[in-house]
Amino acid sequence: MAPDETLPAGSPGGATPGPDHEQAFDREPRFAAARLKERLYATITMIAVVIGLAGSEHISAPGAAATVLTTAVGLWLAALVADQQAHRVVHGRLATGHELRRMLSISSPLLLSAVGPLVLIASAALGVMEVDTALLVSAGVSIAGLFTWGWYGGIRMGGGTGLALLAGILDAAIGTAVALVKAAAGH
């Protein structure tokens, strides 16, 4: 069983549904880790998308917004299909109720990855900046987000400020490198 999966409700070792159970998964470390993993994956993917868009000729604000939005929705739908298929294979049934809500909650950061770029693209549509500038600023903000998560992880591990800064720099650099490779490959 993968670290981000739970046993079906009512199975040996599985959670028993109850009034507190519906909100309990948001306090469990595996759930938080699974959501953060999706958020980081979506951030790296969105960096690749906005860098690719910024490098293309004649990109309009509506075209950039449509690409960002369809990327986020496509990632989210792909995650849901994969989660549901994996659940069917492992458990012999569709995920429903609590399991389905958990899947939806874990995958929701994939949709949230579009918010920052869309806000900046909207500012470009309003004439505040050029579209390519908005896209590059979006990439920069996302890279800063990767740094922040890496730094916070370093702090949580107890490595001190220096190691936390190094972790942040490494996470931002690795995420940026992966995004540049994806952008160069046309993903």
Protein backbone atom coordinates (compact mmCIF):
# COMPACT_ATOMS: atom_id res chain seq x y z
CA MET A 1 0.00 0.00 0.00
CA ALA A 2 1.34 3.42 -0.94
CA PRO A 3 2.01 5.87 1.91
CA ASP A 4 -0.81 8.15 0.78
CA GLU A 5 -3.46 5.40 0.63
CA THR A 6 -5.72 4.32 3.44
CA LEU A 7 -7.43 1.05 4.07
CA PRO A 8 -11.13 0.94 3.23
CA ALA A 9 -13.48 1.95 6.01
CA GLY A 10 -14.57 -1.02 8.06
CA SER A 11 -11.66 -3.25 6.97
CA PRO A 12 -9.17 -4.56 9.53
CA GLY A 13 -7.01 -1.58 10.35
CA GLY A 14 -9.25 0.70 8.30
CA ALA A 15 -10.93 3.73 9.74
CA THR A 16 -14.44 3.43 11.04
CA PRO A 17 -16.63 6.27 9.82
CA GLY A 18 -18.01 8.52 12.49
CA PRO A 19 -18.76 12.16 13.16
CA ASP A 20 -15.12 13.11 13.61
CA HIS A 21 -13.86 10.82 10.85
CA GLU A 22 -14.97 13.05 7.98
CA GLN A 23 -12.65 15.87 9.12
CA ALA A 24 -9.96 13.67 10.67
CA PHE A 25 -8.04 12.98 7.46
CA ASP A 26 -7.08 16.64 7.17
CA ARG A 27 -5.04 16.27 10.37
CA GLU A 28 -3.23 13.09 9.40
CA PRO A 29 0.41 13.50 8.24
CA ARG A 30 0.07 11.14 5.25
CA PHE A 31 -2.87 13.16 3.98
CA ALA A 32 -0.95 16.43 4.38
CA ALA A 33 2.08 14.91 2.62
CA ALA A 34 -0.08 13.67 -0.28
CA ARG A 35 -1.67 17.11 -0.74
CA LEU A 36 1.70 18.84 -0.58
CA LYS A 37 3.14 16.36 -3.11
CA GLU A 38 0.34 17.26 -5.53
CA ARG A 39 0.90 20.96 -4.89
CA LEU A 40 4.64 20.70 -5.59
CA TYR A 41 4.08 18.58 -8.70
CA ALA A 42 1.52 21.05 -10.02
CA THR A 43 3.82 23.98 -9.25
CA ILE A 44 6.69 22.44 -11.23
CA THR A 45 4.35 21.61 -14.10
CA MET A 46 2.89 25.12 -14.11
CA ILE A 47 6.40 26.65 -14.15
CA ALA A 48 7.10 24.62 -17.30
CA VAL A 49 3.82 25.75 -18.88
CA VAL A 50 4.27 29.47 -18.18
CA ILE A 51 7.92 29.42 -19.28
CA GLY A 52 6.89 27.67 -22.48
CA LEU A 53 4.13 30.20 -23.08
CA ALA A 54 6.45 33.14 -22.36
CA GLY A 55 8.84 31.84 -24.98
CA SER A 56 6.20 31.50 -27.67
CA GLU A 57 5.44 34.20 -30.18
CA HIS A 58 2.20 36.17 -30.21
CA ILE A 59 0.70 34.82 -27.01
CA SER A 60 -2.45 36.63 -25.97
CA ALA A 61 -3.82 36.93 -22.45
CA PRO A 62 -6.93 34.85 -23.29
CA GLY A 63 -4.79 32.20 -24.98
CA ALA A 64 -2.38 32.04 -22.04
CA ALA A 65 -5.27 31.88 -19.57
CA ALA A 66 -6.92 29.08 -21.53
CA THR A 67 -3.66 27.10 -21.63
CA VAL A 68 -3.02 27.55 -17.90
CA LEU A 69 -6.60 26.63 -17.01
CA THR A 70 -6.76 23.58 -19.25
CA THR A 71 -3.38 22.41 -17.93
CA ALA A 72 -4.59 22.59 -14.33
CA VAL A 73 -7.93 20.92 -15.10
CA GLY A 74 -6.19 18.27 -17.20
CA LEU A 75 -3.75 17.46 -14.39
CA TRP A 76 -6.60 17.28 -11.89
CA LEU A 77 -8.72 15.00 -14.07
CA ALA A 78 -5.73 12.75 -14.82
CA ALA A 79 -5.02 12.44 -11.09
CA LEU A 80 -8.65 11.55 -10.36
CA VAL A 81 -8.77 8.95 -13.13
CA ALA A 82 -5.49 7.42 -11.93
CA ASP A 83 -6.63 7.42 -8.28
CA GLN A 84 -9.96 5.83 -9.13
CA GLN A 85 -8.35 3.23 -11.40
CA ALA A 86 -5.76 2.34 -8.76
CA HIS A 87 -8.51 2.07 -6.15
CA ARG A 88 -10.53 -0.28 -8.38
CA VAL A 89 -7.51 -2.50 -8.97
CA VAL A 90 -6.49 -2.67 -5.31
CA HIS A 91 -9.91 -2.80 -3.66
CA GLY A 92 -12.10 -4.30 -6.39
CA ARG A 93 -14.62 -1.45 -6.29
CA LEU A 94 -15.01 2.26 -7.00
CA ALA A 95 -14.05 4.75 -4.34
CA THR A 96 -17.14 6.36 -2.83
CA GLY A 97 -18.01 8.51 0.15
CA HIS A 98 -15.06 9.27 2.39
CA GLU A 99 -12.53 7.68 0.00
CA LEU A 100 -13.75 9.76 -2.93
CA ARG A 101 -13.77 12.96 -0.83
CA ARG A 102 -10.22 12.17 0.21
CA MET A 103 -9.17 11.74 -3.44
CA LEU A 104 -10.83 15.03 -4.37
CA SER A 105 -9.22 16.83 -1.45
CA ILE A 106 -5.75 15.45 -2.13
CA SER A 107 -5.94 16.39 -5.81
CA SER A 108 -7.39 19.88 -5.32
CA PRO A 109 -3.94 21.59 -5.21
CA LEU A 110 -3.63 20.64 -8.87
CA LEU A 111 -6.42 23.12 -9.60
CA LEU A 112 -5.01 25.74 -7.24
CA SER A 113 -1.77 25.80 -9.22
CA ALA A 114 -3.54 27.90 -11.87
CA VAL A 115 -4.67 30.70 -9.53
CA GLY A 116 -1.41 32.68 -9.37
CA PRO A 117 -0.72 32.54 -13.11
CA LEU A 118 -4.35 33.44 -13.91
CA VAL A 119 -4.25 36.48 -11.62
CA LEU A 120 -1.07 37.70 -13.29
CA ILE A 121 -2.42 36.98 -16.78
CA ALA A 122 -5.58 38.94 -15.86
CA SER A 123 -3.37 41.86 -14.83
CA ALA A 124 -1.74 41.67 -18.26
CA ALA A 125 -5.17 41.66 -19.89
CA LEU A 126 -5.92 44.87 -17.96
CA GLY A 127 -2.74 46.47 -19.30
CA VAL A 128 -0.75 46.41 -16.06
CA MET A 129 2.07 44.45 -17.74
CA GLU A 130 2.82 42.50 -20.89
CA VAL A 131 1.63 38.91 -21.10
CA ASP A 132 5.14 37.48 -21.32
CA THR A 133 6.13 39.52 -18.25
CA ALA A 134 3.13 38.18 -16.34
CA LEU A 135 4.10 34.64 -17.29
CA LEU A 136 7.72 35.09 -16.21
CA VAL A 137 6.65 36.73 -12.94
CA SER A 138 4.35 33.76 -12.39
CA ALA A 139 7.29 31.40 -12.89
CA GLY A 140 9.35 33.45 -10.44
CA VAL A 141 6.61 33.40 -7.82
CA SER A 142 6.27 29.63 -8.22
CA ILE A 143 10.03 29.14 -7.91
CA ALA A 144 9.94 31.24 -4.73
CA GLY A 145 7.18 28.93 -3.51
CA LEU A 146 9.40 25.88 -4.12
CA PHE A 147 12.18 27.60 -2.18
CA THR A 148 9.80 28.36 0.69
CA TRP A 149 8.55 24.77 0.94
CA GLY A 150 12.15 23.49 0.84
CA TRP A 151 13.22 25.96 3.50
CA TYR A 152 10.24 25.08 5.69
CA GLY A 153 11.02 21.37 5.29
CA GLY A 154 14.60 22.06 6.37
CA ILE A 155 13.38 23.94 9.44
CA ARG A 156 10.93 21.12 10.30
CA MET A 157 13.76 18.60 10.09
CA GLY A 158 15.72 20.58 12.68
CA GLY A 159 18.74 21.28 10.51
CA GLY A 160 19.04 24.94 11.47
CA THR A 161 18.78 28.05 9.34
CA GLY A 162 21.80 27.34 7.14
CA LEU A 163 20.69 23.87 6.15
CA ALA A 164 17.11 25.08 5.72
CA LEU A 165 18.30 27.77 3.29
CA LEU A 166 20.36 25.18 1.43
CA ALA A 167 17.31 22.87 1.24
CA GLY A 168 15.23 25.75 -0.12
CA ILE A 169 17.83 26.65 -2.72
CA LEU A 170 18.21 23.02 -3.80
CA ASP A 171 14.46 22.46 -4.04
CA ALA A 172 14.01 25.65 -6.07
CA ALA A 173 16.94 24.75 -8.35
CA ILE A 174 15.80 21.16 -8.88
CA GLY A 175 12.20 22.25 -9.51
CA THR A 176 13.36 24.91 -11.95
CA ALA A 177 15.62 22.44 -13.77
CA VAL A 178 12.78 19.93 -14.11
CA ALA A 179 10.43 22.68 -15.32
CA LEU A 180 13.00 23.87 -17.91
CA VAL A 181 13.47 20.33 -19.19
CA LYS A 182 9.69 19.90 -19.46
CA ALA A 183 9.36 23.27 -21.21
CA ALA A 184 12.17 22.42 -23.64
CA ALA A 185 10.51 19.07 -24.38
CA GLY A 186 7.25 20.84 -25.11
CA HIS A 187 5.30 19.59 -22.07
